[in-house]
Amino acid sequence: MAYESKFKREDIDELFKAILTLQDEEDCYRFFEDICTINEIHAIAQRLQVAKLLSEKKTYSEIEEATKASTATISRINKCLVYGAEGYQRILERLNSDK
């Protein structure tokens, strides 16, 4: 069964199709530097690191120290890992399989 996002819209579809056309890290840097602020890129990267550390069963204190993320951010990401759309899990599995 296909995933049905509650955020689905045509403009978001187009954004995701654009992201799927990125061919390498350089394309990603160029596109995201243009489309996001540096703070947005840092925030997204931080969230992925928090998800990674949570999946490795690190404590909130260890994650806070390693990433400088607030406990509220860590808690929100943990909630996504437990109750979310499985996006973090899918990406983390793919990143681990690339090692």
Protein backbone atom coordinates (compact mmCIF):
# COMPACT_ATOMS: atom_id res chain seq x y z
CA MET A 1 0.00 0.00 0.00
CA ALA A 2 1.36 3.44 -0.94
CA TYR A 3 2.02 6.00 1.76
CA GLU A 4 -0.59 8.78 1.97
CA SER A 5 0.96 11.96 3.40
CA LYS A 6 -1.28 14.43 5.16
CA PHE A 7 0.89 17.19 3.63
CA LYS A 8 0.55 16.11 0.00
CA ARG A 9 0.20 19.02 -2.43
CA GLU A 10 1.28 19.71 -5.99
CA ASP A 11 3.99 22.20 -5.03
CA ILE A 12 5.47 19.77 -2.52
CA ASP A 13 5.35 16.99 -5.13
CA GLU A 14 7.34 19.24 -7.45
CA LEU A 15 9.89 19.99 -4.72
CA PHE A 16 10.40 16.29 -4.04
CA LYS A 17 10.68 15.52 -7.75
CA ALA A 18 13.36 18.23 -7.96
CA ILE A 19 15.25 16.67 -5.04
CA LEU A 20 15.07 13.26 -6.71
CA THR A 21 16.87 14.71 -9.75
CA LEU A 22 19.97 15.57 -7.69
CA GLN A 23 22.77 13.33 -8.91
CA ASP A 24 25.58 13.78 -6.39
CA GLU A 25 26.74 15.59 -3.28
CA GLU A 26 27.78 18.65 -5.29
CA ASP A 27 24.26 18.93 -6.75
CA CYS A 28 22.88 18.68 -3.20
CA TYR A 29 25.16 21.39 -1.86
CA ARG A 30 24.35 23.71 -4.76
CA PHE A 31 20.58 23.16 -4.58
CA PHE A 32 20.24 23.30 -0.80
CA GLU A 33 22.49 26.35 -0.49
CA ASP A 34 20.14 28.13 -2.90
CA ILE A 35 16.84 26.88 -1.50
CA CYS A 36 17.58 26.92 2.26
CA THR A 37 19.26 29.23 4.71
CA ILE A 38 22.42 27.93 6.35
CA ASN A 39 20.49 27.66 9.63
CA GLU A 40 17.84 25.51 7.95
CA ILE A 41 20.51 23.18 6.54
CA HIS A 42 22.18 22.94 9.96
CA ALA A 43 18.83 22.22 11.64
CA ILE A 44 17.99 19.44 9.16
CA ALA A 45 21.46 17.91 9.52
CA GLN A 46 21.19 18.11 13.32
CA ARG A 47 17.81 16.31 13.26
CA LEU A 48 19.26 13.49 11.19
CA GLN A 49 22.18 13.14 13.63
CA VAL A 50 19.76 13.08 16.57
CA ALA A 51 17.71 10.35 14.86
CA LYS A 52 20.89 8.37 14.19
CA LEU A 53 22.00 8.61 17.82
CA LEU A 54 18.53 7.72 19.11
CA SER A 55 18.52 4.66 16.87
CA GLU A 56 21.89 3.74 18.43
CA LYS A 57 20.17 3.89 21.86
CA LYS A 58 22.18 6.89 23.07
CA THR A 59 20.75 8.80 26.05
CA TYR A 60 19.23 12.25 25.73
CA SER A 61 22.22 13.65 27.65
CA GLU A 62 24.70 12.04 25.27
CA ILE A 63 22.74 13.29 22.26
CA GLU A 64 22.40 16.81 23.68
CA GLU A 65 26.15 16.94 24.29
CA ALA A 66 27.07 15.54 20.86
CA THR A 67 24.63 17.56 18.75
CA LYS A 68 23.78 20.60 20.90
CA ALA A 69 20.11 19.83 20.18
CA SER A 70 17.60 20.78 22.86
CA THR A 71 15.83 18.05 24.79
CA ALA A 72 12.60 19.27 23.18
CA THR A 73 14.07 18.64 19.71
CA ILE A 74 15.39 15.25 20.78
CA SER A 75 12.00 14.33 22.21
CA ARG A 76 10.19 15.42 19.05
CA ILE A 77 12.51 13.33 16.88
CA ASN A 78 12.10 10.37 19.20
CA LYS A 79 8.33 10.72 18.80
CA CYS A 80 8.81 10.66 15.01
CA LEU A 81 10.92 7.52 15.29
CA VAL A 82 8.25 5.79 17.40
CA TYR A 83 5.02 7.12 15.87
CA GLY A 84 6.01 8.87 12.64
CA ALA A 85 5.95 8.01 8.95
CA GLU A 86 9.12 5.84 9.17
CA GLY A 87 11.08 8.36 7.11
CA TYR A 88 14.02 8.51 9.51
CA GLN A 89 14.18 4.71 9.77
CA ARG A 90 14.17 4.25 6.00
CA ILE A 91 16.98 6.76 5.50
CA LEU A 92 19.06 5.45 8.40
CA GLU A 93 18.76 1.88 7.09
CA ARG A 94 19.89 3.02 3.63
CA LEU A 95 22.80 5.00 5.06
CA ASN A 96 23.87 1.96 7.12
CA SER A 97 23.64 -0.36 4.14
CA ASP A 98 25.94 1.97 2.15
CA LYS A 99 28.76 1.48 4.69
